[in-house]
């Protein structure tokens, strides 16, 4: 289970358009299953 802050950060990324940026997706891929969170 992720740290609570991770959920808050992911909510922020999803509410902004930052996750549309491939660079951001690659950076987050090391920490989170980005493809899974986007669907």
Foldseek 3Di string as FASTA:
>chain_A
DDDPVVVVVVVVCVVDVVLVDVVVVVVCVVPDVSVVVVD
